N, C-alpha and C. Protein backbone atom coordinates (compact mmCIF):
# COMPACT_ATOMS: atom_id res chain seq x y z
N MET A 1 12.79 -17.79 19.13
CA MET A 1 12.51 -17.17 17.87
C MET A 1 11.92 -18.21 16.92
N ALA A 2 10.74 -17.91 16.47
CA ALA A 2 10.02 -18.86 15.63
C ALA A 2 10.39 -18.67 14.16
N LYS A 3 10.64 -19.79 13.52
CA LYS A 3 10.90 -19.76 12.08
C LYS A 3 9.62 -20.15 11.36
N GLN A 4 9.29 -19.37 10.34
CA GLN A 4 8.12 -19.66 9.54
C GLN A 4 8.50 -19.62 8.07
N GLU A 5 7.69 -20.29 7.26
CA GLU A 5 7.96 -20.38 5.83
C GLU A 5 6.99 -19.50 5.06
N LEU A 6 7.52 -18.70 4.16
CA LEU A 6 6.69 -17.87 3.29
C LEU A 6 6.24 -18.74 2.13
N LYS A 7 4.97 -19.14 2.16
CA LYS A 7 4.45 -20.08 1.17
C LYS A 7 3.93 -19.40 -0.09
N SER A 8 3.41 -18.17 0.03
CA SER A 8 2.92 -17.47 -1.16
C SER A 8 2.94 -15.96 -0.93
N ILE A 9 2.93 -15.24 -2.02
CA ILE A 9 2.93 -13.78 -2.01
C ILE A 9 1.67 -13.33 -2.73
N GLY A 10 0.95 -12.37 -2.14
CA GLY A 10 -0.21 -11.79 -2.81
C GLY A 10 0.23 -11.06 -4.06
N VAL A 11 -0.20 -11.53 -5.21
CA VAL A 11 0.29 -11.00 -6.49
C VAL A 11 -0.04 -9.52 -6.63
N LEU A 12 -1.29 -9.15 -6.45
CA LEU A 12 -1.69 -7.76 -6.65
C LEU A 12 -1.05 -6.83 -5.62
N SER A 13 -1.04 -7.22 -4.36
CA SER A 13 -0.46 -6.34 -3.34
C SER A 13 1.04 -6.17 -3.55
N PHE A 14 1.74 -7.24 -3.89
CA PHE A 14 3.18 -7.14 -4.14
C PHE A 14 3.46 -6.28 -5.36
N ALA A 15 2.65 -6.46 -6.41
CA ALA A 15 2.84 -5.68 -7.63
C ALA A 15 2.62 -4.19 -7.38
N VAL A 16 1.61 -3.85 -6.60
CA VAL A 16 1.34 -2.44 -6.30
C VAL A 16 2.48 -1.84 -5.47
N VAL A 17 2.93 -2.55 -4.45
CA VAL A 17 4.00 -2.03 -3.60
C VAL A 17 5.28 -1.85 -4.41
N LEU A 18 5.64 -2.84 -5.21
CA LEU A 18 6.85 -2.72 -6.01
C LEU A 18 6.70 -1.62 -7.05
N GLY A 19 5.50 -1.48 -7.63
CA GLY A 19 5.25 -0.40 -8.57
C GLY A 19 5.43 0.96 -7.93
N LEU A 20 4.97 1.13 -6.70
CA LEU A 20 5.12 2.41 -6.00
C LEU A 20 6.59 2.69 -5.67
N VAL A 21 7.32 1.67 -5.27
CA VAL A 21 8.75 1.85 -5.01
C VAL A 21 9.46 2.29 -6.29
N TYR A 22 9.15 1.65 -7.39
CA TYR A 22 9.74 2.02 -8.67
C TYR A 22 9.32 3.42 -9.09
N ALA A 23 8.08 3.82 -8.79
CA ALA A 23 7.62 5.17 -9.14
C ALA A 23 8.42 6.23 -8.40
N VAL A 24 8.74 5.98 -7.15
CA VAL A 24 9.58 6.93 -6.40
C VAL A 24 10.96 7.02 -7.04
N MET A 25 11.52 5.87 -7.42
CA MET A 25 12.80 5.90 -8.11
C MET A 25 12.68 6.63 -9.44
N GLY A 26 11.55 6.45 -10.13
CA GLY A 26 11.32 7.15 -11.39
C GLY A 26 11.23 8.65 -11.21
N LEU A 27 10.63 9.09 -10.09
CA LEU A 27 10.55 10.52 -9.81
C LEU A 27 11.95 11.09 -9.59
N VAL A 28 12.78 10.37 -8.85
CA VAL A 28 14.15 10.82 -8.64
C VAL A 28 14.89 10.88 -9.97
N MET A 29 14.75 9.85 -10.78
CA MET A 29 15.40 9.84 -12.10
C MET A 29 14.85 10.95 -12.98
N GLY A 30 13.55 11.21 -12.91
CA GLY A 30 12.95 12.29 -13.69
C GLY A 30 13.51 13.65 -13.30
N ILE A 31 13.70 13.86 -12.01
CA ILE A 31 14.28 15.12 -11.55
C ILE A 31 15.71 15.26 -12.05
N ILE A 32 16.47 14.17 -11.98
CA ILE A 32 17.85 14.19 -12.47
C ILE A 32 17.87 14.47 -13.97
N MET A 33 16.97 13.81 -14.73
CA MET A 33 16.91 14.06 -16.17
C MET A 33 16.48 15.49 -16.46
N ALA A 34 15.58 16.03 -15.65
CA ALA A 34 15.13 17.41 -15.85
C ALA A 34 16.27 18.39 -15.63
N LEU A 35 17.04 18.17 -14.58
CA LEU A 35 18.18 19.05 -14.31
C LEU A 35 19.24 18.94 -15.41
N GLY A 36 19.47 17.71 -15.86
CA GLY A 36 20.42 17.51 -16.94
C GLY A 36 19.94 18.11 -18.25
N GLY A 37 18.65 17.98 -18.54
CA GLY A 37 18.09 18.55 -19.77
C GLY A 37 18.13 20.05 -19.76
N ALA A 38 17.91 20.65 -18.60
CA ALA A 38 17.94 22.11 -18.50
C ALA A 38 19.35 22.64 -18.69
N SER A 39 20.32 21.91 -18.20
CA SER A 39 21.69 22.39 -18.33
C SER A 39 22.25 22.18 -19.74
N ILE A 40 21.75 21.17 -20.43
CA ILE A 40 22.27 20.87 -21.76
C ILE A 40 21.49 21.60 -22.85
N GLY A 41 20.17 21.55 -22.77
CA GLY A 41 19.35 22.03 -23.88
C GLY A 41 18.95 23.49 -23.82
N GLY A 42 19.30 24.20 -22.81
CA GLY A 42 18.87 25.57 -22.68
C GLY A 42 17.53 25.65 -21.98
N ALA A 43 17.02 26.86 -21.82
CA ALA A 43 15.82 27.07 -21.01
C ALA A 43 14.57 26.47 -21.64
N ALA A 44 14.32 26.75 -22.90
CA ALA A 44 13.07 26.30 -23.54
C ALA A 44 13.05 24.78 -23.70
N ALA A 45 14.07 24.24 -24.32
CA ALA A 45 14.11 22.79 -24.54
C ALA A 45 14.25 22.06 -23.22
N GLY A 46 15.05 22.60 -22.31
CA GLY A 46 15.25 21.97 -21.01
C GLY A 46 13.98 21.94 -20.20
N GLY A 47 13.18 23.00 -20.29
CA GLY A 47 11.91 23.04 -19.58
C GLY A 47 10.94 21.99 -20.07
N ILE A 48 10.87 21.82 -21.37
CA ILE A 48 9.98 20.82 -21.95
C ILE A 48 10.45 19.42 -21.57
N ILE A 49 11.75 19.18 -21.71
CA ILE A 49 12.30 17.88 -21.33
C ILE A 49 12.07 17.62 -19.84
N GLY A 50 12.27 18.65 -19.02
CA GLY A 50 12.09 18.50 -17.58
C GLY A 50 10.68 18.15 -17.19
N ILE A 51 9.70 18.84 -17.79
CA ILE A 51 8.30 18.56 -17.47
C ILE A 51 7.94 17.13 -17.84
N PHE A 52 8.32 16.71 -19.05
CA PHE A 52 8.01 15.36 -19.47
C PHE A 52 8.75 14.32 -18.64
N SER A 53 9.99 14.62 -18.26
CA SER A 53 10.76 13.67 -17.45
C SER A 53 10.13 13.46 -16.08
N ILE A 54 9.71 14.55 -15.45
CA ILE A 54 9.15 14.46 -14.10
C ILE A 54 7.77 13.80 -14.12
N ILE A 55 7.04 13.92 -15.22
CA ILE A 55 5.70 13.31 -15.31
C ILE A 55 5.77 11.88 -15.85
N ILE A 56 6.51 11.68 -16.92
CA ILE A 56 6.51 10.39 -17.61
C ILE A 56 7.35 9.33 -16.88
N ALA A 57 8.53 9.71 -16.35
CA ALA A 57 9.41 8.73 -15.72
C ALA A 57 8.73 7.97 -14.58
N PRO A 58 8.07 8.65 -13.62
CA PRO A 58 7.43 7.88 -12.55
C PRO A 58 6.32 6.95 -13.06
N ILE A 59 5.59 7.39 -14.07
CA ILE A 59 4.52 6.55 -14.62
C ILE A 59 5.11 5.31 -15.27
N MET A 60 6.15 5.50 -16.08
CA MET A 60 6.77 4.36 -16.76
C MET A 60 7.43 3.42 -15.75
N PHE A 61 8.10 3.98 -14.75
CA PHE A 61 8.72 3.14 -13.73
C PHE A 61 7.67 2.37 -12.95
N PHE A 62 6.52 3.01 -12.63
CA PHE A 62 5.46 2.31 -11.92
C PHE A 62 4.96 1.12 -12.74
N ILE A 63 4.73 1.33 -14.02
CA ILE A 63 4.24 0.26 -14.89
C ILE A 63 5.24 -0.90 -14.92
N MET A 64 6.53 -0.56 -15.09
CA MET A 64 7.55 -1.62 -15.13
C MET A 64 7.64 -2.35 -13.79
N GLY A 65 7.58 -1.60 -12.68
CA GLY A 65 7.63 -2.24 -11.37
C GLY A 65 6.42 -3.10 -11.09
N PHE A 66 5.24 -2.63 -11.51
CA PHE A 66 4.00 -3.38 -11.32
C PHE A 66 4.05 -4.70 -12.08
N ILE A 67 4.42 -4.63 -13.35
CA ILE A 67 4.48 -5.85 -14.17
C ILE A 67 5.56 -6.80 -13.64
N GLY A 68 6.73 -6.24 -13.32
CA GLY A 68 7.82 -7.07 -12.78
C GLY A 68 7.44 -7.71 -11.45
N GLY A 69 6.77 -6.95 -10.59
CA GLY A 69 6.34 -7.48 -9.30
C GLY A 69 5.32 -8.59 -9.45
N ALA A 70 4.38 -8.41 -10.38
CA ALA A 70 3.36 -9.44 -10.61
C ALA A 70 4.00 -10.73 -11.14
N ILE A 71 4.92 -10.58 -12.08
CA ILE A 71 5.61 -11.75 -12.63
C ILE A 71 6.42 -12.46 -11.54
N PHE A 72 7.14 -11.67 -10.73
CA PHE A 72 7.93 -12.26 -9.65
C PHE A 72 7.05 -13.01 -8.68
N ALA A 73 5.93 -12.41 -8.25
CA ALA A 73 5.05 -13.05 -7.28
C ALA A 73 4.46 -14.34 -7.84
N LEU A 74 4.05 -14.32 -9.11
CA LEU A 74 3.52 -15.53 -9.74
C LEU A 74 4.57 -16.63 -9.80
N LEU A 75 5.79 -16.27 -10.21
CA LEU A 75 6.86 -17.27 -10.27
C LEU A 75 7.22 -17.79 -8.88
N TYR A 76 7.28 -16.90 -7.89
CA TYR A 76 7.59 -17.33 -6.54
C TYR A 76 6.53 -18.29 -6.03
N ASN A 77 5.26 -17.95 -6.23
CA ASN A 77 4.18 -18.82 -5.77
C ASN A 77 4.25 -20.19 -6.44
N PHE A 78 4.60 -20.22 -7.71
CA PHE A 78 4.72 -21.50 -8.42
C PHE A 78 5.86 -22.33 -7.84
N VAL A 79 7.03 -21.72 -7.67
CA VAL A 79 8.20 -22.44 -7.18
C VAL A 79 8.00 -22.85 -5.72
N ALA A 80 7.47 -21.96 -4.89
CA ALA A 80 7.28 -22.27 -3.47
C ALA A 80 6.25 -23.38 -3.28
N ASP A 81 5.29 -23.46 -4.18
CA ASP A 81 4.29 -24.53 -4.11
C ASP A 81 4.92 -25.88 -4.46
N LYS A 82 5.83 -25.90 -5.41
CA LYS A 82 6.44 -27.15 -5.85
C LYS A 82 7.58 -27.60 -4.93
N TYR A 83 8.33 -26.66 -4.40
CA TYR A 83 9.52 -27.01 -3.63
C TYR A 83 9.38 -26.52 -2.19
N GLN A 84 10.01 -25.43 -1.89
CA GLN A 84 9.97 -24.92 -0.53
C GLN A 84 10.03 -23.40 -0.59
N GLY A 85 9.31 -22.75 0.33
CA GLY A 85 9.32 -21.29 0.39
C GLY A 85 10.54 -20.77 1.13
N ILE A 86 10.59 -19.45 1.26
CA ILE A 86 11.68 -18.81 1.99
C ILE A 86 11.42 -18.97 3.48
N GLU A 87 12.46 -19.33 4.22
CA GLU A 87 12.33 -19.48 5.65
C GLU A 87 12.64 -18.13 6.31
N LEU A 88 11.69 -17.65 7.11
CA LEU A 88 11.83 -16.37 7.80
C LEU A 88 11.86 -16.61 9.30
N GLU A 89 12.63 -15.79 10.00
CA GLU A 89 12.71 -15.91 11.45
C GLU A 89 12.20 -14.63 12.08
N PHE A 90 11.24 -14.76 13.00
CA PHE A 90 10.63 -13.61 13.66
C PHE A 90 10.97 -13.64 15.15
N LYS A 91 11.08 -12.46 15.73
CA LYS A 91 11.33 -12.35 17.18
C LYS A 91 10.02 -12.34 17.91
């Protein structure tokens, strides 16, 4: 089993992947918020809250995940360049 060192992470690709993962979590949270809003606020208010939750939450989560992923990749690349990267073992 060969051990290899992860020396750098592609900033844009990592940011997009993390943004998409966060968007899926945002969709789940949006659905939960929509169900909660419908049960609390009644049909009219709950419907409006639900629509905005299902649309806005994934977008906001994607943006947060994208920015967070880009910052993480930049910091990782900086630290791995100065010190040592993560050691990975492959079969």
